Amino acid sequence: MKYPTDIVTDRGWERIHPGHGLATDILEQDLRDNGGSAPRPGEQLVVEEVWMRFVPRVKRCAQLGGFGCDQDGQWHQHWEGTRPGNGEPFTIVRWDKATNLAGAQ
């Protein structure tokens, strides 16, 4: 797969990049240039560093993490979240409202 690329999660449309510690200004420009446009009122850039592992053959991807893709029920390849240090580092970027951020009061 070529990165960065689009992903769709239960939070909506996002962009995923390989690695951690990436420059925020470059991540924001990529988001704007690839369909994310500008943030709507009340939204801000969210940068989430995660660890993912590759699953080369899966049929019921919803069973991996609770959120299936359009290919759920057919044999396909998938990435799933894992513990820090396992798998590969990725950075997920999206626009989101402050009230939807992890740990927001």
PDB file of N, CA and C in Angstrom:
ATOM      1  N   MET A   1       0.843  -1.171   0.000  1.00  0.00           N
ATOM      2  CA  MET A   1       0.000   0.000   0.000  1.00  0.00           C
ATOM      3  C   MET A   1       0.892   1.239   0.000  1.00  0.00           C
ATOM      4  N   LYS A   2       0.461   2.256  -0.697  1.00  0.00           N
ATOM      5  CA  LYS A   2       1.205   3.505  -0.778  1.00  0.00           C
ATOM      6  C   LYS A   2       0.700   4.469   0.299  1.00  0.00           C
ATOM      7  N   TYR A   3       1.627   5.078   1.024  1.00  0.00           N
ATOM      8  CA  TYR A   3       1.270   6.018   2.099  1.00  0.00           C
ATOM      9  C   TYR A   3       1.832   7.391   1.793  1.00  0.00           C
ATOM     10  N   PRO A   4       1.205   8.463   2.292  1.00  0.00           N
ATOM     11  CA  PRO A   4      -0.024   8.466   3.088  1.00  0.00           C
ATOM     12  C   PRO A   4      -1.232   8.093   2.246  1.00  0.00           C
ATOM     13  N   THR A   5      -2.295   7.665   2.921  1.00  0.00           N
ATOM     14  CA  THR A   5      -3.511   7.268   2.222  1.00  0.00           C
ATOM     15  C   THR A   5      -4.736   7.589   3.075  1.00  0.00           C
ATOM     16  N   ASP A   6      -5.901   7.496   2.465  1.00  0.00           N
ATOM     17  CA  ASP A   6      -7.164   7.723   3.168  1.00  0.00           C
ATOM     18  C   ASP A   6      -7.554   6.477   3.946  1.00  0.00           C
ATOM     19  N   ILE A   7      -8.187   6.686   5.092  1.00  0.00           N
ATOM     20  CA  ILE A   7      -8.824   5.591   5.823  1.00  0.00           C
ATOM     21  C   ILE A   7     -10.171   6.096   6.335  1.00  0.00           C
ATOM     22  N   VAL A   8     -11.079   5.177   6.558  1.00  0.00           N
ATOM     23  CA  VAL A   8     -12.375   5.511   7.147  1.00  0.00           C
ATOM     24  C   VAL A   8     -12.533   4.656   8.397  1.00  0.00           C
ATOM     25  N   THR A   9     -12.790   5.315   9.516  1.00  0.00           N
ATOM     26  CA  THR A   9     -12.985   4.622  10.784  1.00  0.00           C
ATOM     27  C   THR A   9     -14.350   5.008  11.343  1.00  0.00           C
ATOM     28  N   ASP A  10     -14.630   4.574  12.548  1.00  0.00           N
ATOM     29  CA  ASP A  10     -15.890   4.967  13.180  1.00  0.00           C
ATOM     30  C   ASP A  10     -15.934   6.463  13.483  1.00  0.00           C
ATOM     31  N   ARG A  11     -14.798   7.149  13.373  1.00  0.00           N
ATOM     32  CA  ARG A  11     -14.757   8.609  13.551  1.00  0.00           C
ATOM     33  C   ARG A  11     -14.948   9.345  12.231  1.00  0.00           C
ATOM     34  N   GLY A  12     -14.937   8.616  11.118  1.00  0.00           N
ATOM     35  CA  GLY A  12     -15.083   9.234   9.800  1.00  0.00           C
ATOM     36  C   GLY A  12     -13.811   9.152   8.978  1.00  0.00           C
ATOM     37  N   TRP A  13     -13.663  10.102   8.035  1.00  0.00           N
ATOM     38  CA  TRP A  13     -12.543  10.119   7.099  1.00  0.00           C
ATOM     39  C   TRP A  13     -11.293  10.655   7.779  1.00  0.00           C
ATOM     40  N   GLU A  14     -10.152   9.973   7.540  1.00  0.00           N
ATOM     41  CA  GLU A  14      -8.867  10.361   8.116  1.00  0.00           C
ATOM     42  C   GLU A  14      -7.765  10.072   7.104  1.00  0.00           C
ATOM     43  N   ARG A  15      -6.557  10.534   7.399  1.00  0.00           N
ATOM     44  CA  ARG A  15      -5.377  10.209   6.602  1.00  0.00           C
ATOM     45  C   ARG A  15      -4.401   9.475   7.513  1.00  0.00           C
ATOM     46  N   ILE A  16      -3.696   8.476   6.949  1.00  0.00           N
ATOM     47  CA  ILE A  16      -2.727   7.715   7.729  1.00  0.00           C
ATOM     48  C   ILE A  16      -1.357   7.824   7.063  1.00  0.00           C
ATOM     49  N   HIS A  17      -0.336   8.045   7.896  1.00  0.00           N
ATOM     50  CA  HIS A  17       1.047   8.222   7.455  1.00  0.00           C
ATOM     51  C   HIS A  17       1.932   7.225   8.204  1.00  0.00           C
ATOM     52  N   PRO A  18       2.980   6.690   7.561  1.00  0.00           N
ATOM     53  CA  PRO A  18       3.903   5.813   8.278  1.00  0.00           C
ATOM     54  C   PRO A  18       4.804   6.623   9.208  1.00  0.00           C
ATOM     55  N   GLY A  19       5.081   6.076  10.386  1.00  0.00           N
ATOM     56  CA  GLY A  19       6.018   6.695  11.314  1.00  0.00           C
ATOM     57  C   GLY A  19       5.365   7.536  12.388  1.00  0.00           C
ATOM     58  N   HIS A  20       6.205   7.950  13.342  1.00  0.00           N
ATOM     59  CA  HIS A  20       5.812   8.836  14.439  1.00  0.00           C
ATOM     60  C   HIS A  20       6.705  10.068  14.405  1.00  0.00           C
ATOM     61  N   GLY A  21       6.329  11.104  15.135  1.00  0.00           N
ATOM     62  CA  GLY A  21       7.143  12.307  15.238  1.00  0.00           C
ATOM     63  C   GLY A  21       7.173  13.130  13.961  1.00  0.00           C
ATOM     64  N   LEU A  22       6.104  13.077  13.175  1.00  0.00           N
ATOM     65  CA  LEU A  22       6.048  13.784  11.897  1.00  0.00           C
ATOM     66  C   LEU A  22       5.696  15.256  12.108  1.00  0.00           C
ATOM     67  N   ALA A  23       6.157  16.103  11.208  1.00  0.00           N
ATOM     68  CA  ALA A  23       5.933  17.546  11.308  1.00  0.00           C
ATOM     69  C   ALA A  23       4.452  17.878  11.136  1.00  0.00           C
ATOM     70  N   THR A  24       3.897  18.587  12.095  1.00  0.00           N
ATOM     71  CA  THR A  24       2.474  18.922  12.091  1.00  0.00           C
ATOM     72  C   THR A  24       2.075  19.736  10.871  1.00  0.00           C
ATOM     73  N   ASP A  25       2.923  20.681  10.448  1.00  0.00           N
ATOM     74  CA  ASP A  25       2.563  21.516   9.295  1.00  0.00           C
ATOM     75  C   ASP A  25       2.455  20.699   8.015  1.00  0.00           C
ATOM     76  N   ILE A  26       3.308  19.687   7.860  1.00  0.00           N
ATOM     77  CA  ILE A  26       3.245  18.812   6.679  1.00  0.00           C
ATOM     78  C   ILE A  26       2.000  17.932   6.742  1.00  0.00           C
ATOM     79  N   LEU A  27       1.678  17.409   7.924  1.00  0.00           N
ATOM     80  CA  LEU A  27       0.472  16.591   8.085  1.00  0.00           C
ATOM     81  C   LEU A  27      -0.780  17.401   7.775  1.00  0.00           C
ATOM     82  N   GLU A  28      -0.819  18.640   8.257  1.00  0.00           N
ATOM     83  CA  GLU A  28      -1.980  19.495   8.009  1.00  0.00           C
ATOM     84  C   GLU A  28      -2.121  19.817   6.525  1.00  0.00           C
ATOM     85  N   GLN A  29      -1.016  20.104   5.853  1.00  0.00           N
ATOM     86  CA  GLN A  29      -1.080  20.413   4.423  1.00  0.00           C
ATOM     87  C   GLN A  29      -1.540  19.199   3.624  1.00  0.00           C
ATOM     88  N   ASP A  30      -1.060  18.004   3.982  1.00  0.00           N
ATOM     89  CA  ASP A  30      -1.499  16.783   3.304  1.00  0.00           C
ATOM     90  C   ASP A  30      -3.002  16.589   3.482  1.00  0.00           C
ATOM     91  N   LEU A  31      -3.510  16.850   4.664  1.00  0.00           N
ATOM     92  CA  LEU A  31      -4.945  16.712   4.929  1.00  0.00           C
ATOM     93  C   LEU A  31      -5.746  17.676   4.055  1.00  0.00           C
ATOM     94  N   ARG A  32      -5.286  18.905   3.958  1.00  0.00           N
ATOM     95  CA  ARG A  32      -5.970  19.907   3.129  1.00  0.00           C
ATOM     96  C   ARG A  32      -5.901  19.556   1.640  1.00  0.00           C
ATOM     97  N   ASP A  33      -4.755  19.048   1.196  1.00  0.00           N
ATOM     98  CA  ASP A  33      -4.537  18.762  -0.225  1.00  0.00           C
ATOM     99  C   ASP A  33      -5.233  17.496  -0.712  1.00  0.00           C
ATOM    100  N   ASN A  34      -5.679  16.648   0.195  1.00  0.00           N
ATOM    101  CA  ASN A  34      -6.216  15.342  -0.196  1.00  0.00           C
ATOM    102  C   ASN A  34      -7.642  15.119   0.276  1.00  0.00           C
ATOM    103  N   GLY A  35      -8.439  16.155   0.221  1.00  0.00           N
ATOM    104  CA  GLY A  35      -9.862  15.988   0.495  1.00  0.00           C
ATOM    105  C   GLY A  35     -10.334  16.469   1.840  1.00  0.00           C
ATOM    106  N   GLY A  36      -9.413  16.825   2.727  1.00  0.00           N
ATOM    107  CA  GLY A  36      -9.831  17.262   4.049  1.00  0.00           C
ATOM    108  C   GLY A  36     -10.221  18.720   4.112  1.00  0.00           C
ATOM    109  N   SER A  37      -9.892  19.480   3.065  1.00  0.00           N
ATOM    110  CA  SER A  37     -10.148  20.919   2.991  1.00  0.00           C
ATOM    111  C   SER A  37      -9.719  21.613   4.281  1.00  0.00           C
ATOM    112  N   ALA A  38     -10.390  22.676   4.629  1.00  0.00           N
ATOM    113  CA  ALA A  38     -10.072  23.398   5.860  1.00  0.00           C
ATOM    114  C   ALA A  38     -10.989  22.910   6.975  1.00  0.00           C
ATOM    115  N   PRO A  39     -10.579  23.096   8.220  1.00  0.00           N
ATOM    116  CA  PRO A  39     -11.463  22.674   9.313  1.00  0.00           C
ATOM    117  C   PRO A  39     -12.728  23.514   9.343  1.00  0.00           C
ATOM    118  N   ARG A  40     -13.831  22.879   9.725  1.00  0.00           N
ATOM    119  CA  ARG A  40     -15.089  23.599   9.924  1.00  0.00           C
ATOM    120  C   ARG A  40     -15.008  24.346  11.257  1.00  0.00           C
ATOM    121  N   PRO A  41     -15.884  25.311  11.468  1.00  0.00           N
ATOM    122  CA  PRO A  41     -15.874  26.047  12.737  1.00  0.00           C
ATOM    123  C   PRO A  41     -15.922  25.096  13.932  1.00  0.00           C
ATOM    124  N   GLY A  42     -15.039  25.315  14.896  1.00  0.00           N
ATOM    125  CA  GLY A  42     -14.976  24.485  16.094  1.00  0.00           C
ATOM    126  C   GLY A  42     -14.085  23.267  15.965  1.00  0.00           C
ATOM    127  N   GLU A  43     -13.564  23.002  14.769  1.00  0.00           N
ATOM    128  CA  GLU A  43     -12.687  21.845  14.575  1.00  0.00           C
ATOM    129  C   GLU A  43     -11.221  22.262  14.658  1.00  0.00           C
ATOM    130  N   GLN A  44     -10.390  21.284  14.995  1.00  0.00           N
ATOM    131  CA  GLN A  44      -8.950  21.495  15.027  1.00  0.00           C
ATOM    132  C   GLN A  44      -8.256  20.249  14.508  1.00  0.00           C
ATOM    133  N   LEU A  45      -6.979  20.385  14.214  1.00  0.00           N
ATOM    134  CA  LEU A  45      -6.192  19.260  13.725  1.00  0.00           C
ATOM    135  C   LEU A  45      -5.950  18.278  14.867  1.00  0.00           C
ATOM    136  N   VAL A  46      -6.206  17.001  14.610  1.00  0.00           N
ATOM    137  CA  VAL A  46      -5.941  15.943  15.577  1.00  0.00           C
ATOM    138  C   VAL A  46      -4.871  15.039  14.982  1.00  0.00           C
ATOM    139  N   VAL A  47      -3.774  14.856  15.711  1.00  0.00           N
ATOM    140  CA  VAL A  47      -2.670  13.999  15.291  1.00  0.00           C
ATOM    141  C   VAL A  47      -2.556  12.887  16.326  1.00  0.00           C
ATOM    142  N   GLU A  48      -2.749  11.655  15.885  1.00  0.00           N
ATOM    143  CA  GLU A  48      -2.751  10.504  16.795  1.00  0.00           C
ATOM    144  C   GLU A  48      -1.679   9.514  16.355  1.00  0.00           C
ATOM    145  N   GLU A  49      -0.693   9.263  17.219  1.00  0.00           N
ATOM    146  CA  GLU A  49       0.347   8.278  16.925  1.00  0.00           C
ATOM    147  C   GLU A  49      -0.109   6.924  17.454  1.00  0.00           C
ATOM    148  N   VAL A  50      -0.119   5.920  16.564  1.00  0.00           N
ATOM    149  CA  VAL A  50      -0.630   4.592  16.901  1.00  0.00           C
ATOM    150  C   VAL A  50       0.352   3.520  16.442  1.00  0.00           C
ATOM    151  N   TRP A  51       0.128   2.314  16.911  1.00  0.00           N
ATOM    152  CA  TRP A  51       0.871   1.133  16.455  1.00  0.00           C
ATOM    153  C   TRP A  51      -0.122   0.195  15.786  1.00  0.00           C
ATOM    154  N   MET A  52       0.251  -0.341  14.617  1.00  0.00           N
ATOM    155  CA  MET A  52      -0.628  -1.225  13.846  1.00  0.00           C
ATOM    156  C   MET A  52       0.147  -2.480  13.442  1.00  0.00           C
ATOM    157  N   ARG A  53      -0.580  -3.575  13.326  1.00  0.00           N
ATOM    158  CA  ARG A  53       0.033  -4.798  12.778  1.00  0.00           C
ATOM    159  C   ARG A  53      -0.764  -5.226  11.561  1.00  0.00           C
ATOM    160  N   PHE A  54      -0.067  -5.834  10.600  1.00  0.00           N
ATOM    161  CA  PHE A  54      -0.671  -6.259   9.348  1.00  0.00           C
ATOM    162  C   PHE A  54      -1.220  -7.668   9.491  1.00  0.00           C
ATOM    163  N   VAL A  55      -2.466  -7.872   9.071  1.00  0.00           N
ATOM    164  CA  VAL A  55      -3.105  -9.189   9.060  1.00  0.00           C
ATOM    165  C   VAL A  55      -3.283  -9.564   7.592  1.00  0.00           C
ATOM    166  N   PRO A  56      -2.497 -10.535   7.086  1.00  0.00           N
ATOM    167  CA  PRO A  56      -2.504 -10.817   5.654  1.00  0.00           C
ATOM    168  C   PRO A  56      -3.765 -11.497   5.128  1.00  0.00           C
ATOM    169  N   ARG A  57      -4.532 -12.156   6.012  1.00  0.00           N
ATOM    170  CA  ARG A  57      -5.722 -12.870   5.541  1.00  0.00           C
ATOM    171  C   ARG A  57      -6.768 -12.863   6.646  1.00  0.00           C
ATOM    172  N   VAL A  58      -7.863 -12.153   6.397  1.00  0.00           N
ATOM    173  CA  VAL A  58      -8.945 -12.063   7.373  1.00  0.00           C
ATOM    174  C   VAL A  58     -10.269 -12.019   6.613  1.00  0.00           C
ATOM    175  N   LYS A  59     -11.287 -12.607   7.197  1.00  0.00           N
ATOM    176  CA  LYS A  59     -12.606 -12.593   6.567  1.00  0.00           C
ATOM    177  C   LYS A  59     -13.575 -11.697   7.339  1.00  0.00           C
ATOM    178  N   ARG A  60     -13.559 -11.772   8.643  1.00  0.00           N
ATOM    179  CA  ARG A  60     -14.467 -10.987   9.494  1.00  0.00           C
ATOM    180  C   ARG A  60     -13.657  -9.923  10.238  1.00  0.00           C
ATOM    181  N   CYS A  61     -13.320  -8.844   9.534  1.00  0.00           N
ATOM    182  CA  CYS A  61     -12.470  -7.810  10.127  1.00  0.00           C
ATOM    183  C   CYS A  61     -13.152  -7.092  11.284  1.00  0.00           C
ATOM    184  N   ALA A  62     -14.468  -7.103  11.348  1.00  0.00           N
ATOM    185  CA  ALA A  62     -15.171  -6.476  12.470  1.00  0.00           C
ATOM    186  C   ALA A  62     -14.795  -7.148  13.788  1.00  0.00           C
ATOM    187  N   GLN A  63     -14.375  -8.409  13.733  1.00  0.00           N
ATOM    188  CA  GLN A  63     -13.985  -9.125  14.939  1.00  0.00           C
ATOM    189  C   GLN A  63     -12.600  -8.712  15.429  1.00  0.00           C
ATOM    190  N   LEU A  64     -11.802  -8.047  14.578  1.00  0.00           N
ATOM    191  CA  LEU A  64     -10.468  -7.613  14.987  1.00  0.00           C
ATOM    192  C   LEU A  64     -10.543  -6.463  15.983  1.00  0.00           C
ATOM    193  N   GLY A  65     -11.340  -5.460  15.663  1.00  0.00           N
ATOM    194  CA  GLY A  65     -11.380  -4.290  16.523  1.00  0.00           C
ATOM    195  C   GLY A  65     -12.755  -3.707  16.684  1.00  0.00           C
ATOM    196  N   GLY A  66     -13.774  -4.423  16.230  1.00  0.00           N
ATOM    197  CA  GLY A  66     -15.127  -3.948  16.413  1.00  0.00           C
ATOM    198  C   GLY A  66     -15.658  -3.068  15.304  1.00  0.00           C
ATOM    199  N   PHE A  67     -14.857  -2.776  14.283  1.00  0.00           N
ATOM    200  CA  PHE A  67     -15.303  -1.913  13.190  1.00  0.00           C
ATOM    201  C   PHE A  67     -14.904  -2.569  11.884  1.00  0.00           C
ATOM    202  N   GLY A  68     -15.857  -3.124  11.172  1.00  0.00           N
ATOM    203  CA  GLY A  68     -15.573  -3.789   9.908  1.00  0.00           C
ATOM    204  C   GLY A  68     -15.493  -2.817   8.750  1.00  0.00           C
ATOM    205  N   CYS A  69     -14.834  -3.233   7.686  1.00  0.00           N
ATOM    206  CA  CYS A  69     -14.741  -2.405   6.487  1.00  0.00           C
ATOM    207  C   CYS A  69     -15.736  -2.914   5.439  1.00  0.00           C
ATOM    208  N   ASP A  70     -15.704  -2.314   4.265  1.00  0.00           N
ATOM    209  CA  ASP A  70     -16.619  -2.709   3.189  1.00  0.00           C
ATOM    210  C   ASP A  70     -16.389  -4.140   2.716  1.00  0.00           C
ATOM    211  N   GLN A  71     -15.216  -4.705   3.004  1.00  0.00           N
ATOM    212  CA  GLN A  71     -14.910  -6.062   2.561  1.00  0.00           C
ATOM    213  C   GLN A  71     -15.192  -7.109   3.639  1.00  0.00           C
ATOM    214  N   ASP A  72     -15.778  -6.711   4.754  1.00  0.00           N
ATOM    215  CA  ASP A  72     -16.101  -7.659   5.814  1.00  0.00           C
ATOM    216  C   ASP A  72     -16.962  -8.778   5.238  1.00  0.00           C
ATOM    217  N   GLY A  73     -16.564 -10.024   5.515  1.00  0.00           N
ATOM    218  CA  GLY A  73     -17.271 -11.183   4.981  1.00  0.00           C
ATOM    219  C   GLY A  73     -16.578 -11.794   3.777  1.00  0.00           C
ATOM    220  N   GLN A  74     -15.593 -11.093   3.225  1.00  0.00           N
ATOM    221  CA  GLN A  74     -14.789 -11.605   2.113  1.00  0.00           C
ATOM    222  C   GLN A  74     -13.335 -11.676   2.586  1.00  0.00           C
ATOM    223  N   TRP A  75     -12.564 -12.605   2.019  1.00  0.00           N
ATOM    224  CA  TRP A  75     -11.154 -12.698   2.378  1.00  0.00           C
ATOM    225  C   TRP A  75     -10.419 -11.466   1.866  1.00  0.00           C
ATOM    226  N   HIS A  76      -9.667 -10.823   2.744  1.00  0.00           N
ATOM    227  CA  HIS A  76      -8.891  -9.641   2.374  1.00  0.00           C
ATOM    228  C   HIS A  76      -7.781  -9.413   3.399  1.00  0.00           C
ATOM    229  N   GLN A  77      -6.949  -8.392   3.148  1.00  0.00           N
ATOM    230  CA  GLN A  77      -5.873  -8.014   4.058  1.00  0.00           C
ATOM    231  C   GLN A  77      -6.335  -6.843   4.915  1.00  0.00           C
ATOM    232  N   HIS A  78      -5.722  -6.713   6.098  1.00  0.00           N
ATOM    233  CA  HIS A  78      -6.177  -5.669   7.012  1.00  0.00           C
ATOM    234  C   HIS A  78      -5.056  -5.259   7.953  1.00  0.00           C
ATOM    235  N   TRP A  79      -5.150  -4.030   8.446  1.00  0.00           N
ATOM    236  CA  TRP A  79      -4.314  -3.551   9.543  1.00  0.00           C
ATOM    237  C   TRP A  79      -5.189  -3.478  10.784  1.00  0.00           C
ATOM    238  N   GLU A  80      -4.607  -3.762  11.946  1.00  0.00           N
ATOM    239  CA  GLU A  80      -5.342  -3.603  13.201  1.00  0.00           C
ATOM    240  C   GLU A  80      -4.436  -2.956  14.239  1.00  0.00           C
ATOM    241  N   GLY A  81      -5.062  -2.247  15.167  1.00  0.00           N
ATOM    242  CA  GLY A  81      -4.307  -1.603  16.234  1.00  0.00           C
ATOM    243  C   GLY A  81      -3.688  -2.626  17.167  1.00  0.00           C
ATOM    244  N   THR A  82      -2.539  -2.279  17.736  1.00  0.00           N
ATOM    245  CA  THR A  82      -1.848  -3.170  18.653  1.00  0.00           C
ATOM    246  C   THR A  82      -1.170  -2.348  19.749  1.00  0.00           C
ATOM    247  N   ARG A  83      -0.528  -3.022  20.697  1.00  0.00           N
ATOM    248  CA  ARG A  83       0.156  -2.334  21.795  1.00  0.00           C
ATOM    249  C   ARG A  83       1.383  -1.581  21.280  1.00  0.00           C
ATOM    250  N   PRO A  84       1.757  -0.485  21.943  1.00  0.00           N
ATOM    251  CA  PRO A  84       2.965   0.245  21.551  1.00  0.00           C
ATOM    252  C   PRO A  84       4.184  -0.670  21.519  1.00  0.00           C
ATOM    253  N   GLY A  85       4.973  -0.539  20.476  1.00  0.00           N
ATOM    254  CA  GLY A  85       6.171  -1.355  20.310  1.00  0.00           C
ATOM    255  C   GLY A  85       5.948  -2.612  19.501  1.00  0.00           C
ATOM    256  N   ASN A  86       4.689  -3.019  19.311  1.00  0.00           N
ATOM    257  CA  ASN A  86       4.369  -4.173  18.474  1.00  0.00           C
ATOM    258  C   ASN A  86       3.897  -3.655  17.129  1.00  0.00           C
ATOM    259  N   GLY A  87       4.215  -4.325  16.058  1.00  0.00           N
ATOM    260  CA  GLY A  87       3.775  -3.874  14.746  1.00  0.00           C
ATOM    261  C   GLY A  87       4.603  -2.708  14.246  1.00  0.00           C
ATOM    262  N   GLU A  88       3.942  -1.783  13.559  1.00  0.00           N
ATOM    263  CA  GLU A  88       4.623  -0.649  12.943  1.00  0.00           C
ATOM    264  C   GLU A  88       3.987   0.660  13.400  1.00  0.00           C
ATOM    265  N   PRO A  89       4.804   1.729  13.520  1.00  0.00           N
ATOM    266  CA  PRO A  89       4.258   3.024  13.938  1.00  0.00           C
ATOM    267  C   PRO A  89       3.570   3.747  12.784  1.00  0.00           C
ATOM    268  N   PHE A  90       2.411   4.323  13.069  1.00  0.00           N
ATOM    269  CA  PHE A  90       1.669   5.124  12.096  1.00  0.00           C
ATOM    270  C   PHE A  90       1.143   6.373  12.789  1.00  0.00           C
ATOM    271  N   THR A  91       0.853   7.387  11.992  1.00  0.00           N
ATOM    272  CA  THR A  91       0.239   8.615  12.480  1.00  0.00           C
ATOM    273  C   THR A  91      -1.071   8.823  11.733  1.00  0.00           C
ATOM    274  N   ILE A  92      -2.157   9.005  12.473  1.00  0.00           N
ATOM    275  CA  ILE A  92      -3.483   9.238  11.896  1.00  0.00           C
ATOM    276  C   ILE A  92      -3.841  10.704  12.123  1.00  0.00           C
ATOM    277  N   VAL A  93      -4.344  11.348  11.065  1.00  0.00           N
ATOM    278  CA  VAL A  93      -4.635  12.782  11.105  1.00  0.00           C
ATOM    279  C   VAL A  93      -6.068  13.022  10.647  1.00  0.00           C
ATOM    280  N   ARG A  94      -6.763  13.937  11.338  1.00  0.00           N
ATOM    281  CA  ARG A  94      -8.135  14.291  10.964  1.00  0.00           C
ATOM    282  C   ARG A  94      -8.478  15.653  11.548  1.00  0.00           C
ATOM    283  N   TRP A  95      -9.560  16.229  11.064  1.00  0.00           N
ATOM    284  CA  TRP A  95     -10.165  17.404  11.702  1.00  0.00           C
ATOM    285  C   TRP A  95     -11.214  16.880  12.661  1.00  0.00           C
ATOM    286  N   ASP A  96     -11.302  17.443  13.849  1.00  0.00           N
ATOM    287  CA  ASP A  96     -12.326  17.012  14.795  1.00  0.00           C
ATOM    288  C   ASP A  96     -12.638  18.150  15.759  1.00  0.00           C
ATOM    289  N   LYS A  97     -13.833  18.105  16.319  1.00  0.00           N
ATOM    290  CA  LYS A  97     -14.242  19.108  17.308  1.00  0.00           C
ATOM    291  C   LYS A  97     -13.572  18.808  18.636  1.00  0.00           C
ATOM    292  N   ALA A  98     -13.276  19.829  19.380  1.00  0.00           N
ATOM    293  CA  ALA A  98     -12.602  19.661  20.667  1.00  0.00           C
ATOM    294  C   ALA A  98     -13.385  18.739  21.598  1.00  0.00           C
ATOM    295  N   THR A  99     -14.712  18.716  21.495  1.00  0.00           N
ATOM    296  CA  THR A  99     -15.529  17.865  22.368  1.00  0.00           C
ATOM    297  C   THR A  99     -15.406  16.391  22.017  1.00  0.00           C
ATOM    298  N   ASN A 100     -14.856  16.058  20.823  1.00  0.00           N
ATOM    299  CA  ASN A 100     -14.709  14.665  20.412  1.00  0.00           C
ATOM    300  C   ASN A 100     -13.314  14.125  20.678  1.00  0.00           C
ATOM    301  N   LEU A 101     -12.429  14.929  21.246  1.00  0.00           N
ATOM    302  CA  LEU A 101     -11.057  14.503  21.474  1.00  0.00           C
ATOM    303  C   LEU A 101     -10.974  13.615  22.700  1.00  0.00           C
ATOM    304  N   ALA A 102     -10.056  12.666  22.659  1.00  0.00           N
ATOM    305  CA  ALA A 102      -9.854  11.771  23.794  1.00  0.00           C
ATOM    306  C   ALA A 102      -9.485  12.594  25.024  1.00  0.00           C
ATOM    307  N   GLY A 103     -10.129  12.323  26.116  1.00  0.00           N
ATOM    308  CA  GLY A 103      -9.831  13.006  27.362  1.00  0.00           C
ATOM    309  C   GLY A 103     -10.466  14.375  27.500  1.00  0.00           C
ATOM    310  N   ALA A 104     -11.234  14.810  26.511  1.00  0.00           N
ATOM    311  CA  ALA A 104     -11.877  16.129  26.595  1.00  0.00           C
ATOM    312  C   ALA A 104     -12.959  16.112  27.662  1.00  0.00           C
ATOM    313  N   GLN A 105     -13.092  17.192  28.362  1.00  0.00           N
ATOM    314  CA  GLN A 105     -14.102  17.297  29.419  1.00  0.00           C
ATOM    315  C   GLN A 105     -15.371  17.881  28.868  1.00  0.00           C
TER     316      GLN A 105
END
